[in-house]
């Protein structure tokens, strides 16, 4: 017998076919209105980066859980996730309320979090420059609004 989360994941990821798999879910009901557009953007992100045979999760949370714009948690190497197809990259948490309040861009934060799952960081100045350049290229390639 499958768990409820595994069944939900299977249903959502089945929609994606061979372009990679992801789950988008609002852990705060106020943010369900963002799910569809982030699903579309996540699918474009996978296609645009050529990342097939991977999976990841995107979760919307409020300020009670996370008082910032985005957090990404890359999965440890060889992290077992039998409930997800392909290589599991990790999870991205977005706080749409915080993002809106600070005049930031939800799509940009998705791209930013996804790059963290791929191993990019912005700790050192050189790494930050590389990551920001990759963010701009992806935003343009995916035809997402590039302003923050």
Protein backbone atom coordinates (compact mmCIF):
# COMPACT_ATOMS: atom_id res chain seq x y z
CA UNK A 1 0.00 0.00 0.00
CA UNK A 2 1.36 3.44 -1.02
CA UNK A 3 1.45 6.38 1.33
CA UNK A 4 -0.72 9.40 0.55
CA UNK A 5 2.33 11.54 -0.26
CA UNK A 6 3.70 8.87 -2.61
CA UNK A 7 0.34 8.70 -4.43
CA UNK A 8 0.16 12.51 -4.73
CA UNK A 9 3.74 12.61 -5.99
CA UNK A 10 3.06 9.82 -8.50
CA UNK A 11 -0.01 11.66 -9.80
CA UNK A 12 1.81 14.98 -10.21
CA UNK A 13 5.01 13.56 -11.62
CA UNK A 14 3.11 11.40 -14.11
CA UNK A 15 1.96 14.64 -15.75
CA UNK A 16 5.54 15.48 -16.65
CA UNK A 17 6.46 12.49 -18.80
CA UNK A 18 10.16 12.20 -19.69
CA UNK A 19 11.09 15.81 -18.91
CA UNK A 20 11.91 15.18 -15.27
CA UNK A 21 9.63 15.01 -12.28
CA UNK A 22 8.72 17.44 -9.58
CA UNK A 23 6.14 18.14 -6.94
CA UNK A 24 4.69 21.58 -6.26
CA UNK A 25 2.60 21.89 -3.13
CA UNK A 26 1.31 24.65 -0.87
CA UNK A 27 1.92 23.87 2.77
CA UNK A 28 0.02 27.11 3.44
CA UNK A 29 -3.38 27.20 1.69
CA UNK A 30 -3.07 30.93 0.94
CA UNK A 31 -0.49 30.16 -1.72
CA UNK A 32 -2.33 27.57 -3.82
CA UNK A 33 -2.89 30.26 -6.44
CA UNK A 34 0.84 30.11 -7.28
CA UNK A 35 1.00 26.35 -7.87
CA UNK A 36 -0.01 26.30 -11.53
CA UNK A 37 2.41 28.98 -12.70
CA UNK A 38 5.29 27.45 -10.74
CA UNK A 39 4.50 24.02 -12.22
CA UNK A 40 4.76 25.54 -15.69
CA UNK A 41 7.99 27.36 -14.79
CA UNK A 42 9.50 24.22 -13.20
CA UNK A 43 8.73 22.18 -16.32
CA UNK A 44 10.40 24.87 -18.46
CA UNK A 45 13.34 24.93 -16.08
CA UNK A 46 13.90 21.20 -16.47
CA UNK A 47 13.59 21.39 -20.26
CA UNK A 48 15.76 24.49 -20.48
CA UNK A 49 18.58 23.01 -18.42
CA UNK A 50 18.41 19.55 -19.99
CA UNK A 51 17.85 17.93 -16.61
CA UNK A 52 15.95 14.79 -17.41
CA UNK A 53 15.69 11.82 -15.10
CA UNK A 54 15.72 14.04 -12.01
CA UNK A 55 13.12 14.92 -9.44
CA UNK A 56 12.70 17.67 -6.87
CA UNK A 57 10.07 19.28 -4.68
CA UNK A 58 8.86 22.87 -4.48
CA UNK A 59 6.87 23.86 -1.41
CA UNK A 60 5.13 27.12 -0.55
CA UNK A 61 5.29 28.13 3.09
CA UNK A 62 4.34 31.18 5.12
CA UNK A 63 6.38 33.35 7.46
CA UNK A 64 5.51 31.25 10.52
CA UNK A 65 7.64 28.49 9.05
CA UNK A 66 10.23 30.50 7.12
CA UNK A 67 10.79 34.24 7.35
CA UNK A 68 12.78 34.62 4.13
CA UNK A 69 12.30 34.31 0.38
CA UNK A 70 13.79 30.94 -0.54
CA UNK A 71 15.64 28.02 1.00
CA UNK A 72 16.98 25.09 -0.98
CA UNK A 73 18.06 21.79 0.51
CA UNK A 74 20.10 19.70 -1.91
CA UNK A 75 19.74 15.98 -1.29
CA UNK A 76 22.83 14.25 0.05
CA UNK A 77 24.67 12.09 -2.48
CA UNK A 78 23.07 8.66 -2.83
CA UNK A 79 20.09 9.81 -0.76
CA UNK A 80 17.48 7.03 -1.10
CA UNK A 81 14.08 8.24 -2.35
CA UNK A 82 12.29 5.18 -3.72
CA UNK A 83 9.06 7.23 -3.91
CA UNK A 84 10.54 9.58 -6.55
CA UNK A 85 11.64 8.73 -10.08
CA UNK A 86 15.14 9.55 -11.25
CA UNK A 87 17.86 11.20 -9.21
CA UNK A 88 16.35 13.21 -6.36
CA UNK A 89 17.93 16.70 -6.35
CA UNK A 90 16.31 18.03 -3.16
CA UNK A 91 13.65 20.48 -2.03
CA UNK A 92 12.99 24.19 -2.59
CA UNK A 93 10.91 26.17 -0.11
CA UNK A 94 9.42 29.47 -1.29
CA UNK A 95 7.60 32.06 0.81
CA UNK A 96 5.41 33.93 -1.71
CA UNK A 97 4.19 36.38 0.93
CA UNK A 98 7.73 37.43 1.80
CA UNK A 99 8.70 37.56 -1.87
CA UNK A 100 5.76 39.83 -2.70
CA UNK A 101 6.31 42.07 0.35
CA UNK A 102 9.93 42.63 -0.65
CA UNK A 103 9.22 43.27 -4.35
CA UNK A 104 11.05 40.12 -5.43
CA UNK A 105 10.24 37.77 -8.28
CA UNK A 106 8.78 34.31 -7.57
CA UNK A 107 10.17 32.81 -10.80
CA UNK A 108 13.61 34.21 -10.07
CA UNK A 109 13.55 32.65 -6.61
CA UNK A 110 12.56 29.29 -8.13
CA UNK A 111 15.53 29.48 -10.52
CA UNK A 112 17.80 30.54 -7.66
CA UNK A 113 16.69 27.60 -5.52
CA UNK A 114 17.01 25.15 -8.43
CA UNK A 115 20.60 26.25 -9.06
CA UNK A 116 21.38 25.56 -5.40
CA UNK A 117 20.03 22.02 -5.90
CA UNK A 118 22.45 21.67 -8.83
CA UNK A 119 25.37 22.70 -6.61
CA UNK A 120 25.72 26.43 -7.29
CA UNK A 121 26.33 28.75 -4.34
CA UNK A 122 27.08 32.40 -3.65
CA UNK A 123 29.43 32.17 -0.69
CA UNK A 124 32.55 33.40 -2.48
CA UNK A 125 32.44 36.42 -4.78
CA UNK A 126 33.51 34.39 -7.83
CA UNK A 127 30.86 31.75 -7.18
CA UNK A 128 28.23 34.46 -6.71
CA UNK A 129 29.13 36.02 -10.07
CA UNK A 130 28.87 32.63 -11.79
CA UNK A 131 25.52 31.86 -10.14
CA UNK A 132 24.03 35.28 -10.92
CA UNK A 133 25.12 34.99 -14.56
CA UNK A 134 23.49 31.54 -14.79
CA UNK A 135 20.30 32.94 -13.22
CA UNK A 136 20.12 35.74 -15.81
CA UNK A 137 20.76 33.33 -18.69
CA UNK A 138 18.05 30.94 -17.49
CA UNK A 139 15.51 33.70 -16.86
CA UNK A 140 16.06 34.99 -20.40
CA UNK A 141 16.13 31.53 -22.01
CA UNK A 142 12.93 30.54 -20.24
CA UNK A 143 11.38 33.93 -21.01
CA UNK A 144 10.62 34.57 -17.36
CA UNK A 145 10.56 38.13 -16.02
CA UNK A 146 14.13 38.94 -14.97
CA UNK A 147 13.46 41.67 -12.41
CA UNK A 148 13.64 40.61 -8.78
